[in-house]
Amino acid sequence: MTGGRGVELVLDFVGTDQTHSEGVAMLARAGTYSVVSYGGTLSMPSASMVVNEHAVLGNLVGTWPDLWELLRLHSRGRVTLRTSTYPLASVNEVLEALRVGEITRRAVLVPD
């Protein structure tokens, strides 16, 4: 999809060994791999990070007790996940809509 160039940013909301490995492999030079999840083990050679100027960023979205409470609420039907899907080609428009608050649910980008 990028003509072999790679992507500038990977947001990993899954957090498994496989998504870590695949996400890092997608990075372009000076790309950032952002982990927004719990799970798996991220492993990459430091020489590759330096030569390719890759950055890894961890993002904490709530605490373990927050996650546990959310799962309990969901199991009781008190919380419903709401998503909207958009074609990957409209990523810039979706990001702008998120930035200005026009999208209030999870925005899922789907490859064309």
Protein backbone atom coordinates (compact mmCIF):
# COMPACT_ATOMS: atom_id res chain seq x y z
CA MET A 1 0.00 0.00 0.00
CA THR A 2 2.94 2.36 0.57
CA GLY A 3 4.99 1.22 -2.41
CA GLY A 4 7.55 -0.30 -0.07
CA ARG A 5 8.13 2.98 1.77
CA GLY A 6 6.45 1.94 5.02
CA VAL A 7 4.28 4.00 7.37
CA GLU A 8 5.15 6.92 9.61
CA LEU A 9 3.00 5.76 12.52
CA VAL A 10 1.62 2.46 13.74
CA LEU A 11 -1.00 2.52 16.51
CA ASP A 12 -1.24 -0.96 18.04
CA PHE A 13 -4.46 -1.37 20.01
CA VAL A 14 -4.16 -5.18 20.13
CA GLY A 15 -0.81 -5.84 21.78
CA THR A 16 0.26 -9.36 20.89
CA ASP A 17 3.64 -10.72 19.84
CA GLN A 18 2.31 -10.90 16.27
CA THR A 19 0.97 -7.32 16.13
CA HIS A 20 4.20 -6.02 17.68
CA SER A 21 6.30 -7.84 15.10
CA GLU A 22 4.11 -6.85 12.15
CA GLY A 23 3.74 -3.27 13.35
CA VAL A 24 7.47 -2.70 13.66
CA ALA A 25 8.01 -4.28 10.21
CA MET A 26 5.62 -1.70 8.70
CA LEU A 27 7.60 1.33 9.85
CA ALA A 28 9.23 3.71 7.41
CA ARG A 29 12.50 5.44 8.23
CA ALA A 30 11.96 7.68 11.28
CA GLY A 31 8.60 5.96 11.93
CA THR A 32 6.97 5.60 15.34
CA TYR A 33 5.46 2.45 16.79
CA SER A 34 2.86 3.39 19.40
CA VAL A 35 1.60 0.71 21.78
CA VAL A 36 -1.85 1.42 23.22
CA SER A 37 -2.51 -1.99 24.70
CA TYR A 38 -1.47 -4.61 27.19
CA GLY A 39 0.11 -7.86 26.12
CA GLY A 40 2.84 -9.51 24.17
CA THR A 41 6.55 -8.75 24.19
CA LEU A 42 8.05 -6.14 21.91
CA SER A 43 11.45 -7.15 20.56
CA MET A 44 13.57 -5.36 17.97
CA PRO A 45 17.32 -5.10 17.41
CA SER A 46 18.72 -1.84 18.76
CA ALA A 47 20.92 -1.46 15.67
CA SER A 48 17.79 -1.48 13.50
CA MET A 49 16.16 1.13 15.73
CA VAL A 50 19.18 3.43 15.47
CA VAL A 51 19.88 2.98 11.76
CA ASN A 52 16.21 3.41 10.81
CA GLU A 53 15.57 6.09 13.46
CA HIS A 54 12.54 4.19 14.77
CA ALA A 55 10.83 5.29 17.96
CA VAL A 56 8.67 3.21 20.28
CA LEU A 57 6.06 4.95 22.40
CA GLY A 58 3.98 3.40 25.16
CA ASN A 59 0.59 4.90 25.95
CA LEU A 60 -1.28 4.18 29.16
CA VAL A 61 -5.02 4.47 28.69
CA GLY A 62 -6.32 3.84 32.16
CA THR A 63 -5.00 1.52 34.86
CA TRP A 64 -5.40 -2.24 35.38
CA PRO A 65 -8.21 -1.60 37.90
CA ASP A 66 -9.89 0.67 35.30
CA LEU A 67 -9.68 -2.09 32.71
CA TRP A 68 -11.06 -4.68 35.18
CA GLU A 69 -14.00 -2.42 36.05
CA LEU A 70 -14.70 -1.78 32.36
CA LEU A 71 -14.75 -5.52 31.65
CA ARG A 72 -17.11 -6.11 34.58
CA LEU A 73 -19.45 -3.35 33.36
CA HIS A 74 -19.38 -4.80 29.84
CA SER A 75 -20.16 -8.31 31.10
CA ARG A 76 -23.24 -6.92 32.86
CA GLY A 77 -24.38 -5.13 29.70
CA ARG A 78 -23.76 -1.69 31.21
CA VAL A 79 -21.16 -0.67 28.60
CA THR A 80 -21.48 -1.12 24.86
CA LEU A 81 -18.63 -0.64 22.42
CA ARG A 82 -19.72 1.63 19.59
CA THR A 83 -17.68 1.76 16.41
CA SER A 84 -17.86 3.32 13.00
CA THR A 85 -15.85 2.02 10.05
CA TYR A 86 -14.20 4.15 7.39
CA PRO A 87 -12.13 3.31 4.32
CA LEU A 88 -8.38 3.59 4.92
CA ALA A 89 -8.14 6.08 2.06
CA SER A 90 -10.09 8.62 4.14
CA VAL A 91 -7.65 8.49 7.07
CA ASN A 92 -6.87 12.23 6.97
CA GLU A 93 -10.54 13.21 7.01
CA VAL A 94 -11.22 10.78 9.86
CA LEU A 95 -8.31 12.15 11.89
CA GLU A 96 -9.56 15.70 11.38
CA ALA A 97 -13.10 14.69 12.39
CA LEU A 98 -11.68 13.06 15.54
CA ARG A 99 -9.61 16.16 16.28
CA VAL A 100 -12.62 18.48 16.18
CA GLY A 101 -14.89 16.08 18.06
CA GLU A 102 -17.19 15.08 15.20
CA ILE A 103 -16.59 11.37 15.86
CA THR A 104 -17.63 10.22 19.31
CA ARG A 105 -17.12 6.45 18.94
CA ARG A 106 -14.24 4.23 17.94
CA ALA A 107 -13.15 4.98 14.40
CA VAL A 108 -11.98 1.80 12.64
CA LEU A 109 -10.04 2.23 9.39
CA VAL A 110 -10.56 -0.65 6.95
CA PRO A 111 -8.11 -1.31 4.10
CA ASP A 112 -9.61 -0.86 0.65
